Amino acid sequence: MPLRQSKTLHEADISKFYAMADEIRACAFPQTNLKRIRESAGLTQSQLAEQAAVSLRSIQMYEQRNKDINKAQAITLAKIARVLNCAIEDTLENES
């Protein structure tokens, strides 16, 4: 996905800056940590959701970055990490 050409952001609303930053991050890191780890574990989204007792929609939203996994409840992260046999921190997205 090509980046939008934009004018300077120094006078732009902060939401425009965040939208552009999210777009840049998505281009630089196309897969979330959750998706990369899940695929390495050989699980589908449905299998992860079922085994972790987390809704399929939540897994989908985390992987599409429509829901911020860094703000997920600790119990949800613990369930996902247990199934994926990884540390909770491994599933989180780096914030720059």
PDB file of N, CA and C in Angstrom:
ATOM      1  N   MET A   1       0.847  -1.164   0.000  1.00  0.00           N
ATOM      2  CA  MET A   1       0.000   0.000   0.000  1.00  0.00           C
ATOM      3  C   MET A   1       0.897   1.231   0.000  1.00  0.00           C
ATOM      4  N   PRO A   2       0.812   2.065  -1.022  1.00  0.00           N
ATOM      5  CA  PRO A   2       1.669   3.238  -1.081  1.00  0.00           C
ATOM      6  C   PRO A   2       1.227   4.283  -0.060  1.00  0.00           C
ATOM      7  N   LEU A   3       2.206   5.013   0.431  1.00  0.00           N
ATOM      8  CA  LEU A   3       1.901   6.075   1.379  1.00  0.00           C
ATOM      9  C   LEU A   3       1.250   7.243   0.664  1.00  0.00           C
ATOM     10  N   ARG A   4       0.316   7.853   1.349  1.00  0.00           N
ATOM     11  CA  ARG A   4      -0.308   9.050   0.798  1.00  0.00           C
ATOM     12  C   ARG A   4       0.709  10.179   0.792  1.00  0.00           C
ATOM     13  N   GLN A   5       0.677  10.943  -0.249  1.00  0.00           N
ATOM     14  CA  GLN A   5       1.493  12.141  -0.275  1.00  0.00           C
ATOM     15  C   GLN A   5       0.747  13.190   0.527  1.00  0.00           C
ATOM     16  N   SER A   6       1.436  13.797   1.437  1.00  0.00           N
ATOM     17  CA  SER A   6       0.772  14.743   2.316  1.00  0.00           C
ATOM     18  C   SER A   6       1.565  16.025   2.393  1.00  0.00           C
ATOM     19  N   LYS A   7       0.846  17.096   2.677  1.00  0.00           N
ATOM     20  CA  LYS A   7       1.514  18.363   2.917  1.00  0.00           C
ATOM     21  C   LYS A   7       2.113  18.315   4.313  1.00  0.00           C
ATOM     22  N   THR A   8       2.778  19.349   4.681  1.00  0.00           N
ATOM     23  CA  THR A   8       3.397  19.389   6.001  1.00  0.00           C
ATOM     24  C   THR A   8       2.344  19.199   7.079  1.00  0.00           C
ATOM     25  N   LEU A   9       2.798  18.646   8.184  1.00  0.00           N
ATOM     26  CA  LEU A   9       1.878  18.343   9.276  1.00  0.00           C
ATOM     27  C   LEU A   9       1.963  19.339  10.423  1.00  0.00           C
ATOM     28  N   HIS A  10       2.818  20.343  10.315  1.00  0.00           N
ATOM     29  CA  HIS A  10       3.013  21.242  11.449  1.00  0.00           C
ATOM     30  C   HIS A  10       1.756  22.018  11.844  1.00  0.00           C
ATOM     31  N   GLU A  11       0.821  22.199  10.932  1.00  0.00           N
ATOM     32  CA  GLU A  11      -0.432  22.886  11.263  1.00  0.00           C
ATOM     33  C   GLU A  11      -1.625  21.945  11.240  1.00  0.00           C
ATOM     34  N   ALA A  12      -1.377  20.681  11.010  1.00  0.00           N
ATOM     35  CA  ALA A  12      -2.466  19.707  10.897  1.00  0.00           C
ATOM     36  C   ALA A  12      -2.994  19.312  12.273  1.00  0.00           C
ATOM     37  N   ASP A  13      -4.206  18.856  12.275  1.00  0.00           N
ATOM     38  CA  ASP A  13      -4.806  18.300  13.487  1.00  0.00           C
ATOM     39  C   ASP A  13      -4.006  17.063  13.885  1.00  0.00           C
ATOM     40  N   ILE A  14      -3.878  16.814  15.182  1.00  0.00           N
ATOM     41  CA  ILE A  14      -3.074  15.690  15.676  1.00  0.00           C
ATOM     42  C   ILE A  14      -3.569  14.355  15.128  1.00  0.00           C
ATOM     43  N   SER A  15      -4.867  14.245  14.867  1.00  0.00           N
ATOM     44  CA  SER A  15      -5.403  12.980  14.342  1.00  0.00           C
ATOM     45  C   SER A  15      -4.830  12.677  12.952  1.00  0.00           C
ATOM     46  N   LYS A  16      -4.526  13.696  12.177  1.00  0.00           N
ATOM     47  CA  LYS A  16      -3.908  13.479  10.868  1.00  0.00           C
ATOM     48  C   LYS A  16      -2.497  12.928  11.029  1.00  0.00           C
ATOM     49  N   PHE A  17      -1.787  13.449  12.014  1.00  0.00           N
ATOM     50  CA  PHE A  17      -0.443  12.930  12.287  1.00  0.00           C
ATOM     51  C   PHE A  17      -0.511  11.458  12.666  1.00  0.00           C
ATOM     52  N   TYR A  18      -1.431  11.107  13.582  1.00  0.00           N
ATOM     53  CA  TYR A  18      -1.557   9.721  14.016  1.00  0.00           C
ATOM     54  C   TYR A  18      -1.959   8.806  12.857  1.00  0.00           C
ATOM     55  N   ALA A  19      -2.851   9.264  12.008  1.00  0.00           N
ATOM     56  CA  ALA A  19      -3.273   8.459  10.852  1.00  0.00           C
ATOM     57  C   ALA A  19      -2.078   8.190   9.939  1.00  0.00           C
ATOM     58  N   MET A  20      -1.259   9.200   9.723  1.00  0.00           N
ATOM     59  CA  MET A  20      -0.093   9.021   8.856  1.00  0.00           C
ATOM     60  C   MET A  20       0.923   8.095   9.526  1.00  0.00           C
ATOM     61  N   ALA A  21       1.126   8.260  10.825  1.00  0.00           N
ATOM     62  CA  ALA A  21       2.064   7.394  11.551  1.00  0.00           C
ATOM     63  C   ALA A  21       1.600   5.939  11.498  1.00  0.00           C
ATOM     64  N   ASP A  22       0.307   5.700  11.664  1.00  0.00           N
ATOM     65  CA  ASP A  22      -0.236   4.337  11.578  1.00  0.00           C
ATOM     66  C   ASP A  22      -0.033   3.751  10.186  1.00  0.00           C
ATOM     67  N   GLU A  23      -0.204   4.574   9.175  1.00  0.00           N
ATOM     68  CA  GLU A  23      -0.021   4.119   7.795  1.00  0.00           C
ATOM     69  C   GLU A  23       1.440   3.739   7.544  1.00  0.00           C
ATOM     70  N   ILE A  24       2.357   4.538   8.036  1.00  0.00           N
ATOM     71  CA  ILE A  24       3.786   4.253   7.880  1.00  0.00           C
ATOM     72  C   ILE A  24       4.143   2.966   8.602  1.00  0.00           C
ATOM     73  N   ARG A  25       3.635   2.798   9.832  1.00  0.00           N
ATOM     74  CA  ARG A  25       3.917   1.587  10.608  1.00  0.00           C
ATOM     75  C   ARG A  25       3.375   0.349   9.899  1.00  0.00           C
ATOM     76  N   ALA A  26       2.172   0.445   9.352  1.00  0.00           N
ATOM     77  CA  ALA A  26       1.569  -0.695   8.659  1.00  0.00           C
ATOM     78  C   ALA A  26       2.382  -1.088   7.428  1.00  0.00           C
ATOM     79  N   CYS A  27       2.961  -0.102   6.751  1.00  0.00           N
ATOM     80  CA  CYS A  27       3.806  -0.402   5.589  1.00  0.00           C
ATOM     81  C   CYS A  27       5.124  -1.033   6.016  1.00  0.00           C
ATOM     82  N   ALA A  28       5.692  -0.529   7.085  1.00  0.00           N
ATOM     83  CA  ALA A  28       6.985  -1.030   7.547  1.00  0.00           C
ATOM     84  C   ALA A  28       6.866  -2.400   8.206  1.00  0.00           C
ATOM     85  N   PHE A  29       5.780  -2.634   8.907  1.00  0.00           N
ATOM     86  CA  PHE A  29       5.556  -3.895   9.626  1.00  0.00           C
ATOM     87  C   PHE A  29       4.188  -4.443   9.233  1.00  0.00           C
ATOM     88  N   PRO A  30       4.097  -5.094   8.059  1.00  0.00           N
ATOM     89  CA  PRO A  30       2.791  -5.524   7.557  1.00  0.00           C
ATOM     90  C   PRO A  30       2.085  -6.549   8.443  1.00  0.00           C
ATOM     91  N   GLN A  31       2.820  -7.366   9.159  1.00  0.00           N
ATOM     92  CA  GLN A  31       2.192  -8.345  10.036  1.00  0.00           C
ATOM     93  C   GLN A  31       2.366  -7.924  11.486  1.00  0.00           C
ATOM     94  N   THR A  32       1.339  -8.156  12.254  1.00  0.00           N
ATOM     95  CA  THR A  32       1.460  -7.902  13.685  1.00  0.00           C
ATOM     96  C   THR A  32       2.269  -9.040  14.302  1.00  0.00           C
ATOM     97  N   ASN A  33       2.793  -8.796  15.496  1.00  0.00           N
ATOM     98  CA  ASN A  33       3.503  -9.855  16.213  1.00  0.00           C
ATOM     99  C   ASN A  33       2.583 -11.038  16.461  1.00  0.00           C
ATOM    100  N   LEU A  34       1.329 -10.752  16.801  1.00  0.00           N
ATOM    101  CA  LEU A  34       0.373 -11.820  17.067  1.00  0.00           C
ATOM    102  C   LEU A  34       0.208 -12.721  15.847  1.00  0.00           C
ATOM    103  N   LYS A  35       0.025 -12.133  14.694  1.00  0.00           N
ATOM    104  CA  LYS A  35      -0.167 -12.931  13.483  1.00  0.00           C
ATOM    105  C   LYS A  35       1.079 -13.750  13.158  1.00  0.00           C
ATOM    106  N   ARG A  36       2.234 -13.121  13.270  1.00  0.00           N
ATOM    107  CA  ARG A  36       3.485 -13.823  12.971  1.00  0.00           C
ATOM    108  C   ARG A  36       3.675 -15.023  13.901  1.00  0.00           C
ATOM    109  N   ILE A  37       3.432 -14.840  15.191  1.00  0.00           N
ATOM    110  CA  ILE A  37       3.596 -15.927  16.153  1.00  0.00           C
ATOM    111  C   ILE A  37       2.538 -17.005  15.944  1.00  0.00           C
ATOM    112  N   ARG A  38       1.302 -16.577  15.693  1.00  0.00           N
ATOM    113  CA  ARG A  38       0.218 -17.549  15.470  1.00  0.00           C
ATOM    114  C   ARG A  38       0.515 -18.422  14.259  1.00  0.00           C
ATOM    115  N   GLU A  39       0.944 -17.800  13.174  1.00  0.00           N
ATOM    116  CA  GLU A  39       1.252 -18.566  11.972  1.00  0.00           C
ATOM    117  C   GLU A  39       2.446 -19.491  12.198  1.00  0.00           C
ATOM    118  N   SER A  40       3.440 -19.036  12.951  1.00  0.00           N
ATOM    119  CA  SER A  40       4.595 -19.885  13.272  1.00  0.00           C
ATOM    120  C   SER A  40       4.181 -21.095  14.097  1.00  0.00           C
ATOM    121  N   ALA A  41       3.146 -20.909  14.909  1.00  0.00           N
ATOM    122  CA  ALA A  41       2.628 -22.010  15.732  1.00  0.00           C
ATOM    123  C   ALA A  41       1.732 -22.942  14.927  1.00  0.00           C
ATOM    124  N   GLY A  42       1.441 -22.569  13.691  1.00  0.00           N
ATOM    125  CA  GLY A  42       0.608 -23.408  12.833  1.00  0.00           C
ATOM    126  C   GLY A  42      -0.868 -23.389  13.187  1.00  0.00           C
ATOM    127  N   LEU A  43      -1.318 -22.289  13.761  1.00  0.00           N
ATOM    128  CA  LEU A  43      -2.722 -22.182  14.158  1.00  0.00           C
ATOM    129  C   LEU A  43      -3.464 -21.201  13.268  1.00  0.00           C
ATOM    130  N   THR A  44      -4.726 -21.481  13.039  1.00  0.00           N
ATOM    131  CA  THR A  44      -5.590 -20.521  12.365  1.00  0.00           C
ATOM    132  C   THR A  44      -6.120 -19.555  13.421  1.00  0.00           C
ATOM    133  N   GLN A  45      -6.711 -18.483  12.975  1.00  0.00           N
ATOM    134  CA  GLN A  45      -7.325 -17.546  13.913  1.00  0.00           C
ATOM    135  C   GLN A  45      -8.410 -18.254  14.728  1.00  0.00           C
ATOM    136  N   SER A  46      -9.184 -19.078  14.075  1.00  0.00           N
ATOM    137  CA  SER A  46     -10.264 -19.801  14.756  1.00  0.00           C
ATOM    138  C   SER A  46      -9.724 -20.746  15.816  1.00  0.00           C
ATOM    139  N   GLN A  47      -8.657 -21.450  15.487  1.00  0.00           N
ATOM    140  CA  GLN A  47      -8.066 -22.374  16.448  1.00  0.00           C
ATOM    141  C   GLN A  47      -7.518 -21.626  17.660  1.00  0.00           C
ATOM    142  N   LEU A  48      -6.840 -20.519  17.422  1.00  0.00           N
ATOM    143  CA  LEU A  48      -6.311 -19.723  18.529  1.00  0.00           C
ATOM    144  C   LEU A  48      -7.450 -19.209  19.398  1.00  0.00           C
ATOM    145  N   ALA A  49      -8.475 -18.680  18.769  1.00  0.00           N
ATOM    146  CA  ALA A  49      -9.612 -18.147  19.516  1.00  0.00           C
ATOM    147  C   ALA A  49     -10.255 -19.223  20.384  1.00  0.00           C
ATOM    148  N   GLU A  50     -10.453 -20.390  19.808  1.00  0.00           N
ATOM    149  CA  GLU A  50     -11.093 -21.482  20.549  1.00  0.00           C
ATOM    150  C   GLU A  50     -10.219 -21.953  21.708  1.00  0.00           C
ATOM    151  N   GLN A  51      -8.943 -22.187  21.437  1.00  0.00           N
ATOM    152  CA  GLN A  51      -8.053 -22.714  22.468  1.00  0.00           C
ATOM    153  C   GLN A  51      -7.782 -21.690  23.576  1.00  0.00           C
ATOM    154  N   ALA A  52      -7.797 -20.410  23.233  1.00  0.00           N
ATOM    155  CA  ALA A  52      -7.537 -19.370  24.221  1.00  0.00           C
ATOM    156  C   ALA A  52      -8.816 -18.869  24.890  1.00  0.00           C
ATOM    157  N   ALA A  53      -9.951 -19.316  24.403  1.00  0.00           N
ATOM    158  CA  ALA A  53     -11.246 -18.845  24.916  1.00  0.00           C
ATOM    159  C   ALA A  53     -11.365 -17.320  24.782  1.00  0.00           C
ATOM    160  N   VAL A  54     -10.953 -16.839  23.610  1.00  0.00           N
ATOM    161  CA  VAL A  54     -11.040 -15.425  23.254  1.00  0.00           C
ATOM    162  C   VAL A  54     -11.865 -15.375  21.973  1.00  0.00           C
ATOM    163  N   SER A  55     -12.663 -14.343  21.804  1.00  0.00           N
ATOM    164  CA  SER A  55     -13.516 -14.294  20.615  1.00  0.00           C
ATOM    165  C   SER A  55     -12.677 -14.226  19.333  1.00  0.00           C
ATOM    166  N   LEU A  56     -13.176 -14.880  18.316  1.00  0.00           N
ATOM    167  CA  LEU A  56     -12.520 -14.855  17.007  1.00  0.00           C
ATOM    168  C   LEU A  56     -12.421 -13.417  16.518  1.00  0.00           C
ATOM    169  N   ARG A  57     -13.453 -12.646  16.730  1.00  0.00           N
ATOM    170  CA  ARG A  57     -13.461 -11.257  16.274  1.00  0.00           C
ATOM    171  C   ARG A  57     -12.334 -10.454  16.938  1.00  0.00           C
ATOM    172  N   SER A  58     -12.068 -10.718  18.215  1.00  0.00           N
ATOM    173  CA  SER A  58     -10.972 -10.010  18.895  1.00  0.00           C
ATOM    174  C   SER A  58      -9.629 -10.355  18.264  1.00  0.00           C
ATOM    175  N   ILE A  59      -9.413 -11.640  17.992  1.00  0.00           N
ATOM    176  CA  ILE A  59      -8.166 -12.059  17.341  1.00  0.00           C
ATOM    177  C   ILE A  59      -8.032 -11.349  15.997  1.00  0.00           C
ATOM    178  N   GLN A  60      -9.104 -11.336  15.220  1.00  0.00           N
ATOM    179  CA  GLN A  60      -9.080 -10.675  13.914  1.00  0.00           C
ATOM    180  C   GLN A  60      -8.770  -9.186  14.048  1.00  0.00           C
ATOM    181  N   MET A  61      -9.422  -8.548  15.000  1.00  0.00           N
ATOM    182  CA  MET A  61      -9.231  -7.105  15.185  1.00  0.00           C
ATOM    183  C   MET A  61      -7.798  -6.784  15.632  1.00  0.00           C
ATOM    184  N   TYR A  62      -7.235  -7.617  16.516  1.00  0.00           N
ATOM    185  CA  TYR A  62      -5.843  -7.404  16.940  1.00  0.00           C
ATOM    186  C   TYR A  62      -4.904  -7.556  15.756  1.00  0.00           C
ATOM    187  N   GLU A  63      -5.115  -8.572  14.945  1.00  0.00           N
ATOM    188  CA  GLU A  63      -4.217  -8.819  13.807  1.00  0.00           C
ATOM    189  C   GLU A  63      -4.348  -7.766  12.714  1.00  0.00           C
ATOM    190  N   GLN A  64      -5.507  -7.151  12.610  1.00  0.00           N
ATOM    191  CA  GLN A  64      -5.715  -6.108  11.596  1.00  0.00           C
ATOM    192  C   GLN A  64      -5.404  -4.714  12.138  1.00  0.00           C
ATOM    193  N   ARG A  65      -4.982  -4.677  13.388  1.00  0.00           N
ATOM    194  CA  ARG A  65      -4.670  -3.424  14.079  1.00  0.00           C
ATOM    195  C   ARG A  65      -5.886  -2.510  14.196  1.00  0.00           C
ATOM    196  N   ASN A  66      -7.074  -3.084  14.153  1.00  0.00           N
ATOM    197  CA  ASN A  66      -8.285  -2.307  14.370  1.00  0.00           C
ATOM    198  C   ASN A  66      -8.599  -2.196  15.860  1.00  0.00           C
ATOM    199  N   LYS A  67      -7.952  -3.025  16.639  1.00  0.00           N
ATOM    200  CA  LYS A  67      -8.081  -3.021  18.093  1.00  0.00           C
ATOM    201  C   LYS A  67      -6.654  -3.117  18.630  1.00  0.00           C
ATOM    202  N   ASP A  68      -6.302  -2.241  19.561  1.00  0.00           N
ATOM    203  CA  ASP A  68      -4.925  -2.163  20.052  1.00  0.00           C
ATOM    204  C   ASP A  68      -4.645  -3.273  21.063  1.00  0.00           C
ATOM    205  N   ILE A  69      -3.823  -4.238  20.668  1.00  0.00           N
ATOM    206  CA  ILE A  69      -3.498  -5.362  21.555  1.00  0.00           C
ATOM    207  C   ILE A  69      -2.749  -4.879  22.796  1.00  0.00           C
ATOM    208  N   ASN A  70      -2.057  -3.756  22.694  1.00  0.00           N
ATOM    209  CA  ASN A  70      -1.344  -3.216  23.850  1.00  0.00           C
ATOM    210  C   ASN A  70      -2.293  -2.754  24.948  1.00  0.00           C
ATOM    211  N   LYS A  71      -3.568  -2.589  24.624  1.00  0.00           N
ATOM    212  CA  LYS A  71      -4.566  -2.156  25.605  1.00  0.00           C
ATOM    213  C   LYS A  71      -5.501  -3.298  26.002  1.00  0.00           C
ATOM    214  N   ALA A  72      -5.178  -4.505  25.579  1.00  0.00           N
ATOM    215  CA  ALA A  72      -6.010  -5.663  25.916  1.00  0.00           C
ATOM    216  C   ALA A  72      -5.892  -5.969  27.407  1.00  0.00           C
ATOM    217  N   GLN A  73      -6.910  -6.620  27.935  1.00  0.00           N
ATOM    218  CA  GLN A  73      -6.874  -7.028  29.335  1.00  0.00           C
ATOM    219  C   GLN A  73      -5.772  -8.061  29.534  1.00  0.00           C
ATOM    220  N   ALA A  74      -5.150  -8.012  30.696  1.00  0.00           N
ATOM    221  CA  ALA A  74      -4.042  -8.925  30.999  1.00  0.00           C
ATOM    222  C   ALA A  74      -4.484 -10.384  30.888  1.00  0.00           C
ATOM    223  N   ILE A  75      -5.688 -10.696  31.320  1.00  0.00           N
ATOM    224  CA  ILE A  75      -6.162 -12.091  31.260  1.00  0.00           C
ATOM    225  C   ILE A  75      -6.286 -12.560  29.810  1.00  0.00           C
ATOM    226  N   THR A  76      -6.704 -11.673  28.936  1.00  0.00           N
ATOM    227  CA  THR A  76      -6.813 -12.018  27.508  1.00  0.00           C
ATOM    228  C   THR A  76      -5.424 -12.287  26.935  1.00  0.00           C
ATOM    229  N   LEU A  77      -4.490 -11.413  27.239  1.00  0.00           N
ATOM    230  CA  LEU A  77      -3.115 -11.600  26.752  1.00  0.00           C
ATOM    231  C   LEU A  77      -2.506 -12.876  27.314  1.00  0.00           C
ATOM    232  N   ALA A  78      -2.774 -13.163  28.574  1.00  0.00           N
ATOM    233  CA  ALA A  78      -2.234 -14.379  29.196  1.00  0.00           C
ATOM    234  C   ALA A  78      -2.787 -15.628  28.518  1.00  0.00           C
ATOM    235  N   LYS A  79      -4.071 -15.634  28.201  1.00  0.00           N
ATOM    236  CA  LYS A  79      -4.677 -16.789  27.524  1.00  0.00           C
ATOM    237  C   LYS A  79      -4.063 -17.004  26.149  1.00  0.00           C
ATOM    238  N   ILE A  80      -3.904 -15.910  25.402  1.00  0.00           N
ATOM    239  CA  ILE A  80      -3.331 -15.999  24.052  1.00  0.00           C
ATOM    240  C   ILE A  80      -1.880 -16.481  24.127  1.00  0.00           C
ATOM    241  N   ALA A  81      -1.098 -15.887  25.023  1.00  0.00           N
ATOM    242  CA  ALA A  81       0.313 -16.252  25.161  1.00  0.00           C
ATOM    243  C   ALA A  81       0.474 -17.711  25.584  1.00  0.00           C
ATOM    244  N   ARG A  82      -0.408 -18.185  26.455  1.00  0.00           N
ATOM    245  CA  ARG A  82      -0.333 -19.582  26.903  1.00  0.00           C
ATOM    246  C   ARG A  82      -0.508 -20.523  25.722  1.00  0.00           C
ATOM    247  N   VAL A  83      -1.497 -20.258  24.891  1.00  0.00           N
ATOM    248  CA  VAL A  83      -1.752 -21.120  23.728  1.00  0.00           C
ATOM    249  C   VAL A  83      -0.587 -21.049  22.739  1.00  0.00           C
ATOM    250  N   LEU A  84      -0.024 -19.863  22.563  1.00  0.00           N
ATOM    251  CA  LEU A  84       1.069 -19.685  21.602  1.00  0.00           C
ATOM    252  C   LEU A  84       2.433 -20.047  22.186  1.00  0.00           C
ATOM    253  N   ASN A  85       2.453 -20.387  23.475  1.00  0.00           N
ATOM    254  CA  ASN A  85       3.692 -20.766  24.153  1.00  0.00           C
ATOM    255  C   ASN A  85       4.753 -19.668  24.021  1.00  0.00           C
ATOM    256  N   CYS A  86       4.330 -18.444  24.337  1.00  0.00           N
ATOM    257  CA  CYS A  86       5.241 -17.311  24.274  1.00  0.00           C
ATOM    258  C   CYS A  86       4.975 -16.392  25.465  1.00  0.00           C
ATOM    259  N   ALA A  87       5.810 -15.403  25.623  1.00  0.00           N
ATOM    260  CA  ALA A  87       5.601 -14.402  26.667  1.00  0.00           C
ATOM    261  C   ALA A  87       4.550 -13.400  26.200  1.00  0.00           C
ATOM    262  N   ILE A  88       3.824 -12.859  27.139  1.00  0.00           N
ATOM    263  CA  ILE A  88       2.820 -11.841  26.810  1.00  0.00           C
ATOM    264  C   ILE A  88       3.465 -10.717  26.007  1.00  0.00           C
ATOM    265  N   GLU A  89       4.652 -10.301  26.411  1.00  0.00           N
ATOM    266  CA  GLU A  89       5.341  -9.198  25.759  1.00  0.00           C
ATOM    267  C   GLU A  89       5.593  -9.462  24.275  1.00  0.00           C
ATOM    268  N   ASP A  90       5.727 -10.729  23.912  1.00  0.00           N
ATOM    269  CA  ASP A  90       5.969 -11.078  22.514  1.00  0.00           C
ATOM    270  C   ASP A  90       4.783 -10.723  21.617  1.00  0.00           C
ATOM    271  N   THR A  91       3.581 -10.726  22.181  1.00  0.00           N
ATOM    272  CA  THR A  91       2.385 -10.447  21.381  1.00  0.00           C
ATOM    273  C   THR A  91       2.114  -8.950  21.222  1.00  0.00           C
ATOM    274  N   LEU A  92       2.745  -8.139  22.072  1.00  0.00           N
ATOM    275  CA  LEU A  92       2.506  -6.699  22.035  1.00  0.00           C
ATOM    276  C   LEU A  92       3.217  -6.064  20.852  1.00  0.00           C
ATOM    277  N   GLU A  93       2.691  -4.923  20.441  1.00  0.00           N
ATOM    278  CA  GLU A  93       3.288  -4.163  19.344  1.00  0.00           C
ATOM    279  C   GLU A  93       4.221  -3.122  19.936  1.00  0.00           C
ATOM    280  N   ASN A  94       5.349  -2.928  19.297  1.00  0.00           N
ATOM    281  CA  ASN A  94       6.302  -1.906  19.742  1.00  0.00           C
ATOM    282  C   ASN A  94       5.714  -0.545  19.493  1.00  0.00           C
ATOM    283  N   GLU A  95       5.842   0.307  20.480  1.00  0.00           N
ATOM    284  CA  GLU A  95       5.399   1.700  20.307  1.00  0.00           C
ATOM    285  C   GLU A  95       6.641   2.553  20.188  1.00  0.00           C
ATOM    286  N   SER A  96       6.685   3.333  19.100  1.00  0.00           N
ATOM    287  CA  SER A  96       7.866   4.175  18.944  1.00  0.00           C
ATOM    288  C   SER A  96       7.585   5.578  19.362  1.00  0.00           C
TER     289      SER A  96
END
